[in-house]
Amino acid sequence: MKMKINNISRLVVTRDGFIAAWVQILLPFHRLRPMETKLGVELIKLREDLGKSGMTQDAIKSALLSRHARETICNTLNVSLFSFKTMLSALRKVGFIKDDDVNPRFMPRLAPGEKQFRLLYHFDIKDNGEADEHDEG
């Protein structure tokens, strides 16, 4: 079956803007609140920065939620440690954080130095009333 492209949109963003847009695009899969989404963005940015430093995966997992990282993120988001822990619980509940690391499902697969990222949505359009695994009602 030949696929017809119905719509193409271009977004010009910074690295941080890309990560924020990425997490927002994935909203139907995690359904996080706005502040939880911002925490997810900060964790992805930190995860990428730690990965670029040449650390082992175990060291990255330890550093990602370390005391220093928590304090830095709390300051960036202007939230208390209690609020941070509450939001982190929400991220764990939806699977955004898995085994004290960002779930690879929510990490953009962008090669180092890559300047473009193409994303293709595939919508299975069903008649009203038909349920799907992503439907809540």
Protein backbone atom coordinates (compact mmCIF):
# COMPACT_ATOMS: atom_id res chain seq x y z
CA MET A 1 0.00 0.00 0.00
CA LYS A 2 1.44 3.32 -1.03
CA MET A 3 1.46 5.91 1.75
CA LYS A 4 0.37 9.42 0.96
CA ILE A 5 1.87 12.22 3.04
CA ASN A 6 -0.97 14.47 4.12
CA ASN A 7 0.83 17.14 6.09
CA ILE A 8 4.43 18.21 6.78
CA SER A 9 5.40 20.84 9.31
CA ARG A 10 8.86 22.18 10.11
CA LEU A 11 9.90 23.32 13.56
CA VAL A 12 13.11 25.30 14.05
CA VAL A 13 14.24 24.87 17.65
CA THR A 14 17.24 24.95 19.95
CA ARG A 15 18.44 21.74 21.62
CA ASP A 16 16.45 22.57 24.76
CA GLY A 17 13.46 23.54 22.64
CA PHE A 18 13.71 20.23 20.78
CA ILE A 19 13.64 18.23 24.01
CA ALA A 20 10.69 20.27 25.31
CA ALA A 21 8.82 19.78 22.02
CA TRP A 22 9.68 16.06 22.05
CA VAL A 23 8.22 15.54 25.53
CA GLN A 24 5.15 17.57 24.57
CA ILE A 25 4.65 15.52 21.38
CA LEU A 26 4.70 12.36 23.52
CA LEU A 27 1.96 13.71 25.80
CA PRO A 28 -0.62 11.12 24.64
CA PHE A 29 1.75 8.38 25.84
CA HIS A 30 2.62 9.77 29.27
CA ARG A 31 -0.22 12.22 30.08
CA LEU A 32 1.94 14.18 32.53
CA ARG A 33 0.89 17.51 33.99
CA PRO A 34 2.79 20.64 32.86
CA MET A 35 5.25 20.75 35.80
CA GLU A 36 5.83 16.99 35.56
CA THR A 37 6.51 17.50 31.86
CA LYS A 38 9.08 20.18 32.70
CA LEU A 39 10.75 17.75 35.12
CA GLY A 40 10.84 15.13 32.35
CA VAL A 41 12.52 17.67 30.04
CA GLU A 42 15.15 18.49 32.68
CA LEU A 43 15.86 14.79 33.29
CA ILE A 44 16.28 14.10 29.57
CA LYS A 45 18.64 17.08 29.21
CA LEU A 46 20.68 15.91 32.21
CA ARG A 47 20.66 12.31 30.92
CA GLU A 48 22.00 13.46 27.55
CA ASP A 49 24.68 15.65 29.16
CA LEU A 50 25.82 12.79 31.40
CA GLY A 51 25.90 10.45 28.39
CA LYS A 52 28.17 12.85 26.50
CA SER A 53 30.63 12.91 29.39
CA GLY A 54 31.67 9.31 28.77
CA MET A 55 30.23 7.95 32.01
CA THR A 56 29.18 4.31 32.26
CA GLN A 57 25.45 3.52 32.27
CA ASP A 58 25.58 2.67 35.98
CA ALA A 59 27.32 5.97 36.77
CA ILE A 60 24.74 7.86 34.70
CA LYS A 61 21.88 6.20 36.60
CA SER A 62 23.51 7.11 39.91
CA ALA A 63 24.17 10.71 38.89
CA LEU A 64 20.75 11.28 37.29
CA LEU A 65 18.88 11.25 40.58
CA SER A 66 21.75 12.15 42.88
CA ARG A 67 21.36 14.73 45.61
CA HIS A 68 23.27 17.29 43.54
CA ALA A 69 21.09 16.64 40.47
CA ARG A 70 17.91 16.91 42.53
CA GLU A 71 19.00 20.22 44.04
CA THR A 72 19.99 21.61 40.64
CA ILE A 73 16.68 20.60 39.06
CA CYS A 74 14.70 21.95 42.03
CA ASN A 75 16.46 25.30 41.59
CA THR A 76 15.90 25.30 37.83
CA LEU A 77 12.19 24.54 38.19
CA ASN A 78 11.82 26.65 41.34
CA VAL A 79 10.16 23.81 43.28
CA SER A 80 10.69 22.32 46.72
CA LEU A 81 12.29 18.93 47.24
CA PHE A 82 8.89 17.64 48.36
CA SER A 83 7.31 18.79 45.07
CA PHE A 84 10.22 17.27 43.14
CA LYS A 85 9.68 13.90 44.84
CA THR A 86 5.93 14.07 44.17
CA MET A 87 6.49 14.82 40.49
CA LEU A 88 9.16 12.10 40.27
CA SER A 89 6.60 9.61 41.62
CA ALA A 90 4.21 10.64 38.85
CA LEU A 91 6.96 10.07 36.26
CA ARG A 92 7.62 6.62 37.71
CA LYS A 93 3.92 5.79 37.71
CA VAL A 94 3.55 6.40 33.96
CA GLY A 95 6.85 4.66 33.15
CA PHE A 96 8.77 7.81 32.18
CA ILE A 97 11.32 6.87 34.85
CA LYS A 98 12.15 3.19 34.96
CA ASP A 99 14.84 1.64 37.19
CA ASP A 100 15.99 5.15 38.23
CA ASP A 101 16.68 6.16 34.64
CA VAL A 102 14.73 7.82 31.84
CA ASN A 103 12.84 5.10 30.00
CA PRO A 104 14.46 4.72 26.54
CA ARG A 105 10.95 4.89 25.07
CA PHE A 106 10.86 8.58 26.02
CA MET A 107 14.42 9.46 24.95
CA PRO A 108 14.75 11.00 21.51
CA ARG A 109 17.16 8.96 19.41
CA LEU A 110 19.25 11.81 18.09
CA ALA A 111 22.82 11.03 17.07
CA PRO A 112 25.55 13.34 18.43
CA GLY A 113 25.98 16.34 16.17
CA GLU A 114 22.72 15.60 14.34
CA LYS A 115 20.94 18.79 13.27
CA GLN A 116 17.66 17.30 12.06
CA PHE A 117 15.13 14.94 13.53
CA ARG A 118 12.24 13.60 11.51
CA LEU A 119 9.21 12.17 13.18
CA LEU A 120 6.39 10.37 11.45
CA TYR A 121 3.02 9.95 13.09
CA HIS A 122 0.88 7.09 11.94
CA PHE A 123 -2.77 7.59 12.86
CA ASP A 124 -5.10 4.60 12.75
CA ILE A 125 -8.41 6.39 12.35
CA LYS A 126 -11.33 4.41 13.72
CA ASP A 127 -15.04 5.07 13.80
CA ASN A 128 -16.33 6.84 16.89
CA GLY A 129 -17.07 4.37 19.65
CA GLU A 130 -14.28 1.93 18.80
CA ALA A 131 -11.85 1.52 21.69
CA ASP A 132 -8.06 1.61 21.46
CA GLU A 133 -5.36 0.75 23.99
CA HIS A 134 -4.63 4.50 24.39
CA ASP A 135 -8.26 5.43 25.03
CA GLU A 136 -9.21 6.02 28.64
CA GLY A 137 -12.97 6.11 28.28
